[in-house]
């Protein structure tokens, strides 16, 4: 397994700065964020992506996937087609799908399931056309496909060659789904693995204890990453690990780097790299 870093929290950096960071920290490359306000945007992807990715590739680094947008882009939208085409042209083989979010008190869960399945089928056709794999991320809370069990219900009729699962052990842990169970449920469908960790915290408010949760360094949270890596290896997974670099203090780049750099070092040690 090789490490890449999700560039979401590295927003201020240009391609040359990303290359320097990768070389200093033994990274294989990046999961490139393509969103409004970033160096590459969904609307400008055709022109912006080739120029941005050129120095990264010239440095021998990989960009195996891109994260395009936040909410799910309609598969029939021209911007979506343009994103798939531009990523294919740039040699990016995976695109993370946006999210479908259940809205409590405004809709019934099952009312949206048929629509999502149709959209996943359309993404599969789009991915087949461009030689790309769409990646469906397991995200806790009121997200459709929040864990392997829920995701497999939506993916069971979709060809895994064109739409794969992007599992996130920290989100699975927050949902209470054991990683070994998730790996078995999604056997043959896992195309990417996210790396972060989460923790619970409590505080007393009068006579009540109130619990909250947040993100934290890899060695401090509820995911046992040495065990997780061992389970991934035992399952046969040998792809990339995308380090998300998400922490409770993430409003400024420097505090993020103060934790991200040691996290990368820690994870390299876990991998024996």
Protein backbone atom coordinates (compact mmCIF):
# COMPACT_ATOMS: atom_id res chain seq x y z
CA UNK A 1 0.00 0.00 0.00
CA UNK A 2 1.17 3.52 -0.81
CA UNK A 3 0.29 6.84 0.81
CA UNK A 4 -1.32 9.78 -0.92
CA UNK A 5 -2.64 12.94 0.73
CA UNK A 6 -6.03 14.53 0.18
CA UNK A 7 -5.35 18.16 -0.79
CA UNK A 8 -8.54 19.55 0.79
CA UNK A 9 -6.68 21.21 3.66
CA UNK A 10 -3.65 22.12 1.51
CA UNK A 11 -5.79 24.57 -0.46
CA UNK A 12 -3.28 27.48 -0.49
CA UNK A 13 -0.52 25.44 -2.11
CA UNK A 14 0.40 25.35 -5.78
CA UNK A 15 1.62 22.20 -7.53
CA UNK A 16 5.30 22.91 -6.81
CA UNK A 17 4.61 23.23 -3.08
CA UNK A 18 2.70 19.94 -3.13
CA UNK A 19 5.64 18.25 -4.86
CA UNK A 20 8.05 19.51 -2.22
CA UNK A 21 5.79 18.27 0.57
CA UNK A 22 5.46 14.84 -1.04
CA UNK A 23 9.21 14.46 -1.48
CA UNK A 24 9.91 15.52 2.10
CA UNK A 25 7.41 13.07 3.55
CA UNK A 26 7.75 9.99 1.36
CA UNK A 27 4.35 10.27 -0.33
CA UNK A 28 3.41 8.54 -3.55
CA UNK A 29 1.16 11.41 -4.66
CA UNK A 30 -2.17 13.09 -4.09
CA UNK A 31 -5.93 12.82 -4.00
CA UNK A 32 -6.58 16.11 -5.79
CA UNK A 33 -9.41 18.33 -4.55
CA UNK A 34 -11.33 19.88 -7.45
CA UNK A 35 -13.82 22.33 -5.97
CA UNK A 36 -14.71 25.99 -6.22
CA UNK A 37 -12.00 28.14 -4.63
CA UNK A 38 -9.23 25.58 -5.32
CA UNK A 39 -6.51 25.78 -8.00
CA UNK A 40 -8.60 23.41 -10.15
CA UNK A 41 -12.36 24.02 -10.24
CA UNK A 42 -15.19 21.96 -11.74
CA UNK A 43 -16.07 24.73 -14.19
CA UNK A 44 -12.47 25.31 -15.31
CA UNK A 45 -11.22 21.73 -15.12
CA UNK A 46 -10.48 21.28 -18.83
CA UNK A 47 -7.89 24.09 -18.83
CA UNK A 48 -6.78 24.14 -15.20
CA UNK A 49 -6.16 20.44 -14.58
CA UNK A 50 -3.50 19.74 -17.26
CA UNK A 51 -1.39 22.73 -16.16
CA UNK A 52 -1.71 21.94 -12.46
CA UNK A 53 -0.95 18.25 -12.72
CA UNK A 54 2.05 18.58 -15.07
CA UNK A 55 4.74 19.37 -12.44
CA UNK A 56 3.32 16.72 -10.11
CA UNK A 57 3.65 14.05 -12.77
CA UNK A 58 7.05 15.39 -13.85
CA UNK A 59 8.25 14.78 -10.29
CA UNK A 60 7.27 11.12 -10.59
CA UNK A 61 4.26 11.45 -8.31
CA UNK A 62 0.85 9.85 -8.83
CA UNK A 63 -2.60 11.39 -8.87
CA UNK A 64 -4.73 8.24 -8.79
CA UNK A 65 -7.93 10.03 -7.85
CA UNK A 66 -9.70 13.36 -7.68
CA UNK A 67 -12.43 14.59 -5.37
CA UNK A 68 -14.81 16.65 -7.46
CA UNK A 69 -17.45 18.81 -5.76
CA UNK A 70 -19.19 18.13 -2.48
CA UNK A 71 -22.78 17.15 -3.15
CA UNK A 72 -23.46 14.55 -5.81
CA UNK A 73 -23.14 16.07 -9.29
CA UNK A 74 -26.00 15.03 -11.59
CA UNK A 75 -24.53 12.36 -13.89
CA UNK A 76 -26.29 13.88 -16.90
CA UNK A 77 -24.95 17.39 -16.27
CA UNK A 78 -22.43 18.79 -18.75
CA UNK A 79 -20.06 19.77 -15.93
CA UNK A 80 -20.03 16.17 -14.74
CA UNK A 81 -19.23 14.85 -18.21
CA UNK A 82 -16.48 17.47 -18.53
CA UNK A 83 -14.97 16.41 -15.20
CA UNK A 84 -14.89 12.75 -16.19
CA UNK A 85 -13.41 13.57 -19.59
CA UNK A 86 -10.75 15.91 -18.18
CA UNK A 87 -9.68 13.42 -15.50
CA UNK A 88 -9.47 10.65 -18.08
CA UNK A 89 -7.35 12.86 -20.33
CA UNK A 90 -5.06 13.62 -17.38
CA UNK A 91 -4.69 9.94 -16.50
CA UNK A 92 -6.63 10.18 -13.23
CA UNK A 93 -8.38 6.83 -12.87
CA UNK A 94 -10.67 7.47 -9.89
CA UNK A 95 -13.22 10.18 -9.10
CA UNK A 96 -14.82 10.45 -5.70
CA UNK A 97 -18.56 10.98 -5.97
CA UNK A 98 -20.27 13.70 -4.00
CA UNK A 99 -22.73 12.87 -1.24
CA UNK A 100 -26.43 12.20 -1.01
CA UNK A 101 -27.65 13.39 2.38
CA UNK A 102 -30.88 12.31 4.07
CA UNK A 103 -32.75 15.33 5.43
CA UNK A 104 -34.67 14.48 8.60
CA UNK A 105 -38.25 15.68 8.87
CA UNK A 106 -38.30 16.67 5.19
CA UNK A 107 -38.10 13.34 3.34
CA UNK A 108 -38.54 9.61 3.83
CA UNK A 109 -35.29 7.65 3.51
CA UNK A 110 -36.66 5.19 0.96
CA UNK A 111 -38.06 7.89 -1.33
CA UNK A 112 -34.54 8.74 -2.49
CA UNK A 113 -33.13 5.24 -2.81
CA UNK A 114 -34.50 4.57 -6.31
CA UNK A 115 -33.16 7.90 -7.52
CA UNK A 116 -29.69 7.20 -6.11
CA UNK A 117 -29.58 3.75 -7.69
CA UNK A 118 -30.48 5.27 -11.06
CA UNK A 119 -27.78 7.90 -10.66
CA UNK A 120 -25.19 5.26 -9.70
CA UNK A 121 -26.10 3.30 -12.83
CA UNK A 122 -25.64 6.49 -14.86
CA UNK A 123 -22.26 7.12 -13.20
CA UNK A 124 -21.28 3.56 -14.11
CA UNK A 125 -22.05 4.23 -17.79
CA UNK A 126 -20.14 7.50 -17.67
CA UNK A 127 -17.18 5.80 -16.01
CA UNK A 128 -17.19 2.96 -18.52
CA UNK A 129 -17.22 5.49 -21.35
CA UNK A 130 -14.17 7.34 -20.03
CA UNK A 131 -12.25 4.44 -18.50
CA UNK A 132 -12.59 5.81 -14.96
CA UNK A 133 -13.89 4.35 -11.72
CA UNK A 134 -16.33 6.38 -9.64
CA UNK A 135 -15.66 6.08 -5.89
CA UNK A 136 -18.47 5.98 -3.32
CA UNK A 137 -17.24 7.15 0.12
CA UNK A 138 -18.61 5.75 3.39
CA UNK A 139 -19.45 8.83 5.46
CA UNK A 140 -21.13 8.60 8.87
CA UNK A 141 -24.18 10.58 10.03
CA UNK A 142 -27.21 11.04 7.79
CA UNK A 143 -25.46 10.14 4.54
CA UNK A 144 -26.70 7.52 2.12
CA UNK A 145 -24.14 4.71 1.94
CA UNK A 146 -22.84 5.69 5.38
CA UNK A 147 -21.28 2.26 5.94
CA UNK A 148 -20.63 -0.96 4.03
CA UNK A 149 -24.03 -2.41 4.85
CA UNK A 150 -25.95 0.62 3.60
CA UNK A 151 -23.62 1.16 0.66
CA UNK A 152 -23.88 -2.41 -0.59
CA UNK A 153 -27.67 -2.07 -0.69
CA UNK A 154 -27.17 0.75 -3.21
CA UNK A 155 -24.31 -0.85 -5.14
CA UNK A 156 -25.44 -4.46 -5.40
CA UNK A 157 -26.62 -4.13 -9.02
CA UNK A 158 -23.72 -1.89 -10.13
CA UNK A 159 -20.64 -3.28 -11.90
CA UNK A 160 -17.69 -2.82 -9.48
CA UNK A 161 -15.40 -2.21 -12.47
CA UNK A 162 -17.06 1.17 -12.91
CA UNK A 163 -18.21 2.19 -9.41
CA UNK A 164 -16.07 1.15 -6.46
CA UNK A 165 -16.29 1.61 -2.71
CA UNK A 166 -14.12 4.18 -0.96
CA UNK A 167 -14.09 2.97 2.63
CA UNK A 168 -13.27 5.14 5.61
CA UNK A 169 -12.47 3.12 8.76
CA UNK A 170 -12.94 6.16 11.03
CA UNK A 171 -16.46 6.79 9.75
CA UNK A 172 -17.20 3.06 9.96
CA UNK A 173 -16.04 3.05 13.59
CA UNK A 174 -18.28 6.00 14.41
CA UNK A 175 -21.17 4.01 12.94
CA UNK A 176 -20.20 0.94 14.94
CA UNK A 177 -19.52 -1.25 11.91
CA UNK A 178 -16.40 -3.44 12.43
CA UNK A 179 -13.81 -3.02 9.70
CA UNK A 180 -13.45 -6.76 9.17
CA UNK A 181 -17.20 -7.00 8.54
CA UNK A 182 -17.10 -4.06 6.11
CA UNK A 183 -14.21 -5.63 4.20
CA UNK A 184 -16.15 -8.85 3.78
CA UNK A 185 -19.40 -7.11 2.78
CA UNK A 186 -17.59 -5.08 0.11
CA UNK A 187 -15.22 -7.81 -1.02
CA UNK A 188 -14.13 -7.18 -4.60
CA UNK A 189 -15.50 -3.61 -4.58
CA UNK A 190 -13.01 -1.65 -2.47
CA UNK A 191 -11.06 0.78 -4.63
CA UNK A 192 -9.71 3.31 -2.12
CA UNK A 193 -9.22 3.67 1.64
CA UNK A 194 -9.37 6.94 3.59
CA UNK A 195 -7.11 7.51 6.59
CA UNK A 196 -8.13 9.63 9.56
CA UNK A 197 -9.10 8.99 13.17
CA UNK A 198 -11.88 10.11 15.49
CA UNK A 199 -12.43 10.42 19.21
CA UNK A 200 -15.26 10.99 21.66
CA UNK A 201 -15.19 13.67 24.34
CA UNK A 202 -17.55 14.37 27.22
CA UNK A 203 -18.40 17.39 29.31
CA UNK A 204 -20.83 17.96 32.11
CA UNK A 205 -23.72 20.35 31.62
CA UNK A 206 -25.49 20.60 34.93
CA UNK A 207 -26.64 17.10 35.86
CA UNK A 208 -26.07 15.75 32.32
CA UNK A 209 -22.98 14.41 30.58
CA UNK A 210 -22.92 15.52 26.97
CA UNK A 211 -20.87 13.63 24.40
CA UNK A 212 -19.32 15.02 21.24
CA UNK A 213 -16.91 13.67 18.69
CA UNK A 214 -14.07 15.06 16.65
CA UNK A 215 -11.05 14.16 14.55
CA UNK A 216 -7.60 13.59 16.01
CA UNK A 217 -4.08 12.23 15.35
CA UNK A 218 -4.02 8.69 14.02
CA UNK A 219 -2.58 7.07 17.14
CA UNK A 220 -5.12 8.65 19.50
CA UNK A 221 -8.52 7.70 18.09
CA UNK A 222 -11.00 4.86 18.05
CA UNK A 223 -9.48 3.22 14.96
CA UNK A 224 -6.57 0.92 15.76
CA UNK A 225 -4.56 1.69 12.61
CA UNK A 226 -1.97 -1.11 13.01
CA UNK A 227 -4.88 -3.55 13.23
CA UNK A 228 -6.69 -1.83 10.37
CA UNK A 229 -3.65 -2.08 8.09
CA UNK A 230 -3.26 -5.76 9.00
CA UNK A 231 -6.93 -6.38 8.16
CA UNK A 232 -6.59 -4.55 4.84
CA UNK A 233 -3.54 -6.62 3.93
CA UNK A 234 -5.29 -9.86 4.92
CA UNK A 235 -8.26 -8.90 2.73
CA UNK A 236 -5.95 -8.55 -0.28
CA UNK A 237 -6.18 -4.77 -0.55
CA UNK A 238 -2.95 -3.34 -1.98
CA UNK A 239 -4.09 0.05 -3.28
CA UNK A 240 -3.59 3.59 -2.05
CA UNK A 241 -4.32 4.99 1.39
CA UNK A 242 -5.58 8.57 1.17
CA UNK A 243 -4.52 10.52 4.27
CA UNK A 244 -7.15 13.17 4.91
CA UNK A 245 -5.29 15.35 7.39
CA UNK A 246 -8.52 16.37 9.12
CA UNK A 247 -8.21 17.48 12.73
CA UNK A 248 -10.23 19.51 15.21
CA UNK A 249 -7.94 22.50 14.61
CA UNK A 250 -7.96 22.87 10.82
CA UNK A 251 -8.80 26.50 10.12
CA UNK A 252 -5.17 27.35 9.38
CA UNK A 253 -2.56 25.38 7.45
CA UNK A 254 0.28 25.45 9.99
CA UNK A 255 -1.66 23.72 12.81
CA UNK A 256 -2.76 21.09 10.31
CA UNK A 257 0.82 20.43 9.19
CA UNK A 258 1.98 20.14 12.81
CA UNK A 259 -0.20 17.04 13.14
CA UNK A 260 -0.26 15.81 9.54
CA UNK A 261 3.50 15.39 9.18
CA UNK A 262 3.83 13.20 12.32
CA UNK A 263 0.73 11.26 11.21
CA UNK A 264 2.35 10.44 7.88
CA UNK A 265 5.51 9.33 9.68
CA UNK A 266 3.43 7.19 12.06
CA UNK A 267 1.53 5.57 9.19
CA UNK A 268 4.71 4.87 7.25
CA UNK A 269 5.98 3.09 10.34
CA UNK A 270 2.78 1.03 10.53
CA UNK A 271 3.24 0.06 6.88
CA UNK A 272 6.91 -0.70 7.40
CA UNK A 273 7.82 1.88 4.75
